[in-house]
Amino acid sequence: MTQLSVNVNKIATLRNARGQDLPNVVQVSRDIIQWGADGITVHPRPDERHIKRQDVYDLKGLVDESRSKGSVVEFNIEGYPSEDFLRLVENTRPDQCTLVPDPPDVITSNAGWNLKTQKRLLTDVLLHLKRLNIRSSLFLDPKDNSYEHWEALAGLKPNRIELYTEAFAKNFGTDSYSSVIQGYQALASQAMEAGIGLNAGHDLNLQNLPALIHDIPEIKEVSIGHALICESLYMGLETTLQHYLKILKKPQ
């Protein structure tokens, strides 16, 4: 079964719009955990336009509190491995750190790592995460499918990769879907052959998620935030969450 980690960045964005504390990110995350989510994801950025540094510490405390009460839940922090970001990761010790190659000025993550040009940086960061006993994940786009890319991935060998699923989502339901999903399956197979686990995220929603899980059932975790919150405006947060869990937990 595939785990669901809910990205709560959009909750923080809504809170920050009024400069107060409604909705409260910790309380919403607590409810999400109680309703059955397997994890909480955050992607703090330097300008704190949604998740703030203090949110990361507060949510780490929430996850620890939930575990003390018997809940099995994980904390995933995404971001570009700057010195400040890595210091935050070291201080909070999440279960998973997803490394994303996004500069500070982008609206959202929009590319996978170029493993050929960034191999040295990633080698050092992955080693650091390993020393901290934090599971590592690299954000990758299947369009980068050269031999050098595969070779670099096998050499880096993160614990997992996260399939950047924007192209999957854009081509879902179109004539191009078959060729696009084959690229994802190729990257997935390459990673698994190297002993690397699979995550996925970006533009996933209730409509396209069943196809992704059907075509790549080996995916261990999906991180979903924007679509889940948008769908919750119509169906309510708890109901929407249950719809996602129904897709992910049913036998494949």
C-alpha atoms as a PDB file:
ATOM      1  CA  MET A   1       0.000   0.000   0.000  1.00  0.00           C
ATOM      2  CA  THR A   2       1.087   3.543  -0.716  1.00  0.00           C
ATOM      3  CA  GLN A   3       1.411   6.011   2.144  1.00  0.00           C
ATOM      4  CA  LEU A   4      -0.150   9.485   2.062  1.00  0.00           C
ATOM      5  CA  SER A   5       1.880  12.441   3.327  1.00  0.00           C
ATOM      6  CA  VAL A   6      -0.165  15.630   3.320  1.00  0.00           C
ATOM      7  CA  ASN A   7       1.700  18.806   2.388  1.00  0.00           C
ATOM      8  CA  VAL A   8       0.367  21.580   4.636  1.00  0.00           C
ATOM      9  CA  ASN A   9       2.031  24.512   2.856  1.00  0.00           C
ATOM     10  CA  LYS A  10      -1.327  25.747   1.587  1.00  0.00           C
ATOM     11  CA  ILE A  11      -2.678  25.857   5.134  1.00  0.00           C
ATOM     12  CA  ALA A  12       0.228  28.112   6.058  1.00  0.00           C
ATOM     13  CA  THR A  13      -0.359  30.272   2.968  1.00  0.00           C
ATOM     14  CA  LEU A  14      -3.968  30.852   4.008  1.00  0.00           C
ATOM     15  CA  ARG A  15      -2.899  31.699   7.557  1.00  0.00           C
ATOM     16  CA  ASN A  16      -0.237  34.139   6.388  1.00  0.00           C
ATOM     17  CA  ALA A  17      -2.740  35.988   4.191  1.00  0.00           C
ATOM     18  CA  ARG A  18      -4.242  37.574   7.317  1.00  0.00           C
ATOM     19  CA  GLY A  19      -1.073  37.765   9.392  1.00  0.00           C
ATOM     20  CA  GLN A  20      -2.699  35.955  12.289  1.00  0.00           C
ATOM     21  CA  ASP A  21      -2.987  32.288  13.282  1.00  0.00           C
ATOM     22  CA  LEU A  22      -6.102  31.079  11.506  1.00  0.00           C
ATOM     23  CA  PRO A  23      -6.078  28.415  10.303  1.00  0.00           C
ATOM     24  CA  ASN A  24      -3.624  27.055  12.831  1.00  0.00           C
ATOM     25  CA  VAL A  25      -1.138  24.850  10.985  1.00  0.00           C
ATOM     26  CA  VAL A  26      -0.474  22.570  13.950  1.00  0.00           C
ATOM     27  CA  GLN A  27      -4.151  22.029  14.716  1.00  0.00           C
ATOM     28  CA  VAL A  28      -5.004  21.263  11.100  1.00  0.00           C
ATOM     29  CA  SER A  29      -2.060  18.865  10.926  1.00  0.00           C
ATOM     30  CA  ARG A  30      -3.201  17.208  14.151  1.00  0.00           C
ATOM     31  CA  ASP A  31      -6.645  16.654  12.617  1.00  0.00           C
ATOM     32  CA  ILE A  32      -5.110  15.317   9.410  1.00  0.00           C
ATOM     33  CA  ILE A  33      -3.123  12.784  11.431  1.00  0.00           C
ATOM     34  CA  GLN A  34      -6.180  11.771  13.446  1.00  0.00           C
ATOM     35  CA  TRP A  35      -8.138  11.260  10.231  1.00  0.00           C
ATOM     36  CA  GLY A  36      -5.600   8.728   9.005  1.00  0.00           C
ATOM     37  CA  ALA A  37      -2.790  10.432   7.069  1.00  0.00           C
ATOM     38  CA  ASP A  38       0.537   8.631   7.220  1.00  0.00           C
ATOM     39  CA  GLY A  39       2.654  11.753   7.287  1.00  0.00           C
ATOM     40  CA  ILE A  40       2.996  15.518   7.190  1.00  0.00           C
ATOM     41  CA  THR A  41       5.128  17.267   4.565  1.00  0.00           C
ATOM     42  CA  VAL A  42       6.420  20.839   4.615  1.00  0.00           C
ATOM     43  CA  HIS A  43       8.531  22.775   2.130  1.00  0.00           C
ATOM     44  CA  PRO A  44       9.948  25.809   3.946  1.00  0.00           C
ATOM     45  CA  ARG A  45      11.427  28.518   1.757  1.00  0.00           C
ATOM     46  CA  PRO A  46      13.842  31.298   2.740  1.00  0.00           C
ATOM     47  CA  ASP A  47      11.217  34.058   2.503  1.00  0.00           C
ATOM     48  CA  GLU A  48       8.783  32.104   4.730  1.00  0.00           C
ATOM     49  CA  ARG A  49       5.942  32.891   2.346  1.00  0.00           C
ATOM     50  CA  HIS A  50       4.052  29.886   3.660  1.00  0.00           C
ATOM     51  CA  ILE A  51       5.766  27.530   6.114  1.00  0.00           C
ATOM     52  CA  LYS A  52       7.801  29.430   8.699  1.00  0.00           C
ATOM     53  CA  ARG A  53      10.824  28.098  10.552  1.00  0.00           C
ATOM     54  CA  GLN A  54       8.830  27.905  13.776  1.00  0.00           C
ATOM     55  CA  ASP A  55       6.186  25.806  12.000  1.00  0.00           C
ATOM     56  CA  VAL A  56       8.831  23.184  11.293  1.00  0.00           C
ATOM     57  CA  TYR A  57       9.754  22.935  14.969  1.00  0.00           C
ATOM     58  CA  ASP A  58       6.100  22.937  16.037  1.00  0.00           C
ATOM     59  CA  LEU A  59       5.158  20.201  13.562  1.00  0.00           C
ATOM     60  CA  LYS A  60       8.119  18.087  14.632  1.00  0.00           C
ATOM     61  CA  GLY A  61       6.748  18.368  18.160  1.00  0.00           C
ATOM     62  CA  LEU A  62       3.298  17.349  16.939  1.00  0.00           C
ATOM     63  CA  VAL A  63       4.662  14.264  15.188  1.00  0.00           C
ATOM     64  CA  ASP A  64       6.593  13.251  18.305  1.00  0.00           C
ATOM     65  CA  GLU A  65       3.478  13.801  20.415  1.00  0.00           C
ATOM     66  CA  SER A  66       1.362  11.706  18.030  1.00  0.00           C
ATOM     67  CA  ARG A  67       3.873   8.868  18.165  1.00  0.00           C
ATOM     68  CA  SER A  68       3.877   8.911  21.939  1.00  0.00           C
ATOM     69  CA  LYS A  69       0.131   8.250  21.731  1.00  0.00           C
ATOM     70  CA  GLY A  70       0.566   5.295  19.359  1.00  0.00           C
ATOM     71  CA  SER A  71       0.109   6.969  15.981  1.00  0.00           C
ATOM     72  CA  VAL A  72       2.402   5.822  13.185  1.00  0.00           C
ATOM     73  CA  VAL A  73       3.147   9.034  11.344  1.00  0.00           C
ATOM     74  CA  GLU A  74       6.195  10.494   9.593  1.00  0.00           C
ATOM     75  CA  PHE A  75       7.565  13.983   9.082  1.00  0.00           C
ATOM     76  CA  ASN A  76       8.983  14.926   5.667  1.00  0.00           C
ATOM     77  CA  ILE A  77      10.829  18.177   4.996  1.00  0.00           C
ATOM     78  CA  GLU A  78      11.395  19.257   1.376  1.00  0.00           C
ATOM     79  CA  GLY A  79      13.719  21.916   0.107  1.00  0.00           C
ATOM     80  CA  TYR A  80      16.896  23.066  -1.569  1.00  0.00           C
ATOM     81  CA  PRO A  81      19.955  21.977   0.448  1.00  0.00           C
ATOM     82  CA  SER A  82      21.272  25.397   1.434  1.00  0.00           C
ATOM     83  CA  GLU A  83      23.264  25.735   4.638  1.00  0.00           C
ATOM     84  CA  ASP A  84      20.248  27.237   6.399  1.00  0.00           C
ATOM     85  CA  PHE A  85      17.929  24.477   5.201  1.00  0.00           C
ATOM     86  CA  LEU A  86      20.321  21.725   6.254  1.00  0.00           C
ATOM     87  CA  ARG A  87      20.735  23.360   9.663  1.00  0.00           C
ATOM     88  CA  LEU A  88      16.960  23.284  10.086  1.00  0.00           C
ATOM     89  CA  VAL A  89      16.874  19.621   9.058  1.00  0.00           C
ATOM     90  CA  GLU A  90      19.673  18.786  11.475  1.00  0.00           C
ATOM     91  CA  ASN A  91      17.882  20.553  14.332  1.00  0.00           C
ATOM     92  CA  THR A  92      14.510  18.881  13.728  1.00  0.00           C
ATOM     93  CA  ARG A  93      15.597  15.427  12.470  1.00  0.00           C
ATOM     94  CA  PRO A  94      12.622  14.566  10.224  1.00  0.00           C
ATOM     95  CA  ASP A  95      12.049  10.983   9.139  1.00  0.00           C
ATOM     96  CA  GLN A  96      12.670  11.986   5.531  1.00  0.00           C
ATOM     97  CA  CYS A  97      14.377  14.863   3.766  1.00  0.00           C
ATOM     98  CA  THR A  98      13.393  15.393   0.133  1.00  0.00           C
ATOM     99  CA  LEU A  99      15.970  17.419  -1.763  1.00  0.00           C
ATOM    100  CA  VAL A 100      14.484  19.697  -4.421  1.00  0.00           C
ATOM    101  CA  PRO A 101      16.490  21.855  -6.897  1.00  0.00           C
ATOM    102  CA  ASP A 102      14.345  24.963  -6.683  1.00  0.00           C
ATOM    103  CA  PRO A 103      15.783  28.476  -6.350  1.00  0.00           C
ATOM    104  CA  PRO A 104      14.154  30.839  -3.816  1.00  0.00           C
ATOM    105  CA  ASP A 105      12.175  32.835  -6.401  1.00  0.00           C
ATOM    106  CA  VAL A 106      10.100  30.038  -7.968  1.00  0.00           C
ATOM    107  CA  ILE A 107       6.419  29.718  -7.073  1.00  0.00           C
ATOM    108  CA  THR A 108       6.622  25.955  -6.716  1.00  0.00           C
ATOM    109  CA  SER A 109       9.019  23.156  -7.561  1.00  0.00           C
ATOM    110  CA  ASN A 110       9.223  22.911 -11.340  1.00  0.00           C
ATOM    111  CA  ALA A 111      12.164  20.645 -12.221  1.00  0.00           C
ATOM    112  CA  GLY A 112      14.053  17.572 -11.185  1.00  0.00           C
ATOM    113  CA  TRP A 113      17.732  17.419 -10.280  1.00  0.00           C
ATOM    114  CA  ASN A 114      20.370  17.404 -12.984  1.00  0.00           C
ATOM    115  CA  LEU A 115      22.393  14.560 -11.495  1.00  0.00           C
ATOM    116  CA  LYS A 116      25.285  15.009 -13.896  1.00  0.00           C
ATOM    117  CA  THR A 117      26.045  18.613 -12.928  1.00  0.00           C
ATOM    118  CA  GLN A 118      24.950  18.432  -9.283  1.00  0.00           C
ATOM    119  CA  LYS A 119      26.474  15.092  -8.350  1.00  0.00           C
ATOM    120  CA  ARG A 120      29.177  16.550  -6.109  1.00  0.00           C
ATOM    121  CA  LEU A 121      26.726  18.676  -4.118  1.00  0.00           C
ATOM    122  CA  LEU A 122      24.283  15.813  -3.732  1.00  0.00           C
ATOM    123  CA  THR A 123      26.985  13.334  -2.747  1.00  0.00           C
ATOM    124  CA  ASP A 124      27.972  15.496   0.223  1.00  0.00           C
ATOM    125  CA  VAL A 125      24.392  16.229   1.281  1.00  0.00           C
ATOM    126  CA  LEU A 126      23.276  12.602   1.026  1.00  0.00           C
ATOM    127  CA  LEU A 127      26.237  11.526   3.145  1.00  0.00           C
ATOM    128  CA  HIS A 128      25.310  14.160   5.735  1.00  0.00           C
ATOM    129  CA  LEU A 129      21.705  12.905   5.874  1.00  0.00           C
ATOM    130  CA  LYS A 130      22.920   9.332   6.218  1.00  0.00           C
ATOM    131  CA  ARG A 131      25.057  10.324   9.208  1.00  0.00           C
ATOM    132  CA  LEU A 132      21.974  11.931  10.752  1.00  0.00           C
ATOM    133  CA  ASN A 133      19.976   8.721  10.136  1.00  0.00           C
ATOM    134  CA  ILE A 134      17.460  10.641   8.005  1.00  0.00           C
ATOM    135  CA  ARG A 135      15.939   8.919   4.967  1.00  0.00           C
ATOM    136  CA  SER A 136      16.881  10.791   1.804  1.00  0.00           C
ATOM    137  CA  SER A 137      14.837  11.372  -1.334  1.00  0.00           C
ATOM    138  CA  LEU A 138      15.774  13.161  -4.575  1.00  0.00           C
ATOM    139  CA  PHE A 139      13.207  14.988  -6.720  1.00  0.00           C
ATOM    140  CA  LEU A 140      13.639  13.622 -10.267  1.00  0.00           C
ATOM    141  CA  ASP A 141      11.998  14.195 -13.644  1.00  0.00           C
ATOM    142  CA  PRO A 142      11.728  11.145 -15.969  1.00  0.00           C
ATOM    143  CA  LYS A 143      12.543  13.317 -18.990  1.00  0.00           C
ATOM    144  CA  ASP A 144      16.179  13.294 -17.820  1.00  0.00           C
ATOM    145  CA  ASN A 145      16.833   9.770 -19.024  1.00  0.00           C
ATOM    146  CA  SER A 146      20.374   9.765 -20.411  1.00  0.00           C
ATOM    147  CA  TYR A 147      22.836   7.026 -19.535  1.00  0.00           C
ATOM    148  CA  GLU A 148      24.887   9.529 -17.533  1.00  0.00           C
ATOM    149  CA  HIS A 149      21.789  10.357 -15.506  1.00  0.00           C
ATOM    150  CA  TRP A 150      21.116   6.684 -14.713  1.00  0.00           C
ATOM    151  CA  GLU A 151      24.779   6.154 -13.859  1.00  0.00           C
ATOM    152  CA  ALA A 152      24.818   9.142 -11.518  1.00  0.00           C
ATOM    153  CA  LEU A 153      21.654   7.962  -9.767  1.00  0.00           C
ATOM    154  CA  ALA A 154      23.095   4.498  -9.173  1.00  0.00           C
ATOM    155  CA  GLY A 155      26.255   6.084  -7.809  1.00  0.00           C
ATOM    156  CA  LEU A 156      24.463   8.525  -5.511  1.00  0.00           C
ATOM    157  CA  LYS A 157      21.979   5.895  -4.345  1.00  0.00           C
ATOM    158  CA  PRO A 158      19.608   7.954  -2.196  1.00  0.00           C
ATOM    159  CA  ASN A 159      17.167   5.973  -0.093  1.00  0.00           C
ATOM    160  CA  ARG A 160      14.351   7.073  -2.403  1.00  0.00           C
ATOM    161  CA  ILE A 161      13.538   9.260  -5.361  1.00  0.00           C
ATOM    162  CA  GLU A 162      10.404  11.355  -5.724  1.00  0.00           C
ATOM    163  CA  LEU A 163       8.899  11.178  -9.192  1.00  0.00           C
ATOM    164  CA  TYR A 164       8.100  14.730 -10.317  1.00  0.00           C
ATOM    165  CA  THR A 165       4.624  14.092 -11.692  1.00  0.00           C
ATOM    166  CA  GLU A 166       3.738  17.349 -13.462  1.00  0.00           C
ATOM    167  CA  ALA A 167       4.096  15.786 -16.941  1.00  0.00           C
ATOM    168  CA  PHE A 168       2.089  12.772 -15.784  1.00  0.00           C
ATOM    169  CA  ALA A 169      -0.724  15.051 -14.595  1.00  0.00           C
ATOM    170  CA  LYS A 170      -0.718  17.226 -17.728  1.00  0.00           C
ATOM    171  CA  ASN A 171      -0.946  14.209 -20.009  1.00  0.00           C
ATOM    172  CA  PHE A 172      -3.403  12.183 -17.950  1.00  0.00           C
ATOM    173  CA  GLY A 173      -6.469  11.401 -20.053  1.00  0.00           C
ATOM    174  CA  THR A 174      -4.800  12.411 -23.333  1.00  0.00           C
ATOM    175  CA  ASP A 175      -3.448  10.453 -26.289  1.00  0.00           C
ATOM    176  CA  SER A 176       0.071  11.119 -25.013  1.00  0.00           C
ATOM    177  CA  TYR A 177      -0.493   9.391 -21.685  1.00  0.00           C
ATOM    178  CA  SER A 178       0.846   5.987 -22.747  1.00  0.00           C
ATOM    179  CA  SER A 179       4.222   7.297 -23.888  1.00  0.00           C
ATOM    180  CA  VAL A 180       4.561   9.616 -20.888  1.00  0.00           C
ATOM    181  CA  ILE A 181       3.820   6.951 -18.281  1.00  0.00           C
ATOM    182  CA  GLN A 182       6.375   4.678 -19.934  1.00  0.00           C
ATOM    183  CA  GLY A 183       9.030   7.248 -19.074  1.00  0.00           C
ATOM    184  CA  TYR A 184       7.955   7.190 -15.444  1.00  0.00           C
ATOM    185  CA  GLN A 185       7.943   3.405 -15.411  1.00  0.00           C
ATOM    186  CA  ALA A 186      11.446   3.341 -16.886  1.00  0.00           C
ATOM    187  CA  LEU A 187      12.792   5.651 -14.173  1.00  0.00           C
ATOM    188  CA  ALA A 188      10.957   3.652 -11.521  1.00  0.00           C
ATOM    189  CA  SER A 189      12.436   0.383 -12.768  1.00  0.00           C
ATOM    190  CA  GLN A 190      15.931   1.853 -12.909  1.00  0.00           C
ATOM    191  CA  ALA A 191      15.649   3.108  -9.341  1.00  0.00           C
ATOM    192  CA  MET A 192      14.297  -0.164  -7.987  1.00  0.00           C
ATOM    193  CA  GLU A 193      17.036  -2.139  -9.719  1.00  0.00           C
ATOM    194  CA  ALA A 194      19.518   0.024  -7.820  1.00  0.00           C
ATOM    195  CA  GLY A 195      17.707  -0.629  -4.537  1.00  0.00           C
ATOM    196  CA  ILE A 196      16.138   2.836  -4.393  1.00  0.00           C
ATOM    197  CA  GLY A 197      12.546   3.278  -3.210  1.00  0.00           C
ATOM    198  CA  LEU A 198       9.871   5.363  -4.949  1.00  0.00           C
ATOM    199  CA  ASN A 199       7.873   8.396  -3.869  1.00  0.00           C
ATOM    200  CA  ALA A 200       5.797  10.691  -6.078  1.00  0.00           C
ATOM    201  CA  GLY A 201       4.400  14.183  -5.973  1.00  0.00           C
ATOM    202  CA  HIS A 202       3.247  17.322  -7.840  1.00  0.00           C
ATOM    203  CA  ASP A 203      -0.190  17.967  -9.373  1.00  0.00           C
ATOM    204  CA  LEU A 204      -1.618  14.687  -8.099  1.00  0.00           C
ATOM    205  CA  ASN A 205      -5.350  14.708  -7.370  1.00  0.00           C
ATOM    206  CA  LEU A 206      -8.322  12.391  -6.860  1.00  0.00           C
ATOM    207  CA  GLN A 207      -8.817  12.009 -10.611  1.00  0.00           C
ATOM    208  CA  ASN A 208      -5.300  11.043 -11.705  1.00  0.00           C
ATOM    209  CA  LEU A 209      -3.932   9.333  -8.605  1.00  0.00           C
ATOM    210  CA  PRO A 210      -5.622   5.947  -9.242  1.00  0.00           C
ATOM    211  CA  ALA A 211      -3.924   5.702 -12.658  1.00  0.00           C
ATOM    212  CA  LEU A 212      -0.496   6.472 -11.219  1.00  0.00           C
ATOM    213  CA  ILE A 213      -0.805   3.871  -8.473  1.00  0.00           C
ATOM    214  CA  HIS A 214      -2.160   1.315 -10.951  1.00  0.00           C
ATOM    215  CA  ASP A 215       0.676   1.871 -13.425  1.00  0.00           C
ATOM    216  CA  ILE A 216       3.451   2.159 -10.805  1.00  0.00           C
ATOM    217  CA  PRO A 217       2.179   0.176  -7.803  1.00  0.00           C
ATOM    218  CA  GLU A 218       5.640   0.129  -6.210  1.00  0.00           C
ATOM    219  CA  ILE A 219       5.315   3.777  -5.124  1.00  0.00           C
ATOM    220  CA  LYS A 220       5.780   3.870  -1.360  1.00  0.00           C
ATOM    221  CA  GLU A 221       4.529   7.386  -0.676  1.00  0.00           C
ATOM    222  CA  VAL A 222       2.765  10.276  -2.350  1.00  0.00           C
ATOM    223  CA  SER A 223       2.987  13.850  -1.109  1.00  0.00           C
ATOM    224  CA  ILE A 224      -0.141  15.861  -1.915  1.00  0.00           C
ATOM    225  CA  GLY A 225      -1.132  19.327  -0.784  1.00  0.00           C
ATOM    226  CA  HIS A 226      -2.461  21.853  -3.289  1.00  0.00           C
ATOM    227  CA  ALA A 227      -5.088  19.652  -4.938  1.00  0.00           C
ATOM    228  CA  LEU A 228      -6.157  18.107  -1.655  1.00  0.00           C
ATOM    229  CA  ILE A 229      -6.871  21.528  -0.159  1.00  0.00           C
ATOM    230  CA  CYS A 230      -8.661  22.711  -3.324  1.00  0.00           C
ATOM    231  CA  GLU A 231     -10.881  19.617  -3.296  1.00  0.00           C
ATOM    232  CA  SER A 232     -11.534  20.153   0.405  1.00  0.00           C
ATOM    233  CA  LEU A 233     -13.217  23.480  -0.359  1.00  0.00           C
ATOM    234  CA  TYR A 234     -16.067  21.480  -1.898  1.00  0.00           C
ATOM    235  CA  MET A 235     -16.050  18.229   0.069  1.00  0.00           C
ATOM    236  CA  GLY A 236     -14.512  19.165   3.399  1.00  0.00           C
ATOM    237  CA  LEU A 237     -11.037  18.237   4.582  1.00  0.00           C
ATOM    238  CA  GLU A 238     -11.860  15.008   6.392  1.00  0.00           C
ATOM    239  CA  THR A 239     -13.994  13.640   3.541  1.00  0.00           C
ATOM    240  CA  THR A 240     -11.360  14.525   0.943  1.00  0.00           C
ATOM    241  CA  LEU A 241      -8.659  12.847   3.004  1.00  0.00           C
ATOM    242  CA  GLN A 242     -10.735   9.682   3.252  1.00  0.00           C
ATOM    243  CA  HIS A 243     -11.134   9.610  -0.540  1.00  0.00           C
ATOM    244  CA  TYR A 244      -7.348   9.694  -0.948  1.00  0.00           C
ATOM    245  CA  LEU A 245      -6.830   6.988   1.646  1.00  0.00           C
ATOM    246  CA  LYS A 246      -9.416   4.789  -0.074  1.00  0.00           C
ATOM    247  CA  ILE A 247      -7.449   5.026  -3.346  1.00  0.00           C
ATOM    248  CA  LEU A 248      -4.111   4.308  -1.711  1.00  0.00           C
ATOM    249  CA  LYS A 249      -5.049   1.598   0.763  1.00  0.00           C
ATOM    250  CA  LYS A 250      -7.164  -0.689  -1.400  1.00  0.00           C
ATOM    251  CA  PRO A 251      -5.430  -3.827  -2.762  1.00  0.00           C
ATOM    252  CA  GLN A 252      -3.791  -3.218  -6.133  1.00  0.00           C
END
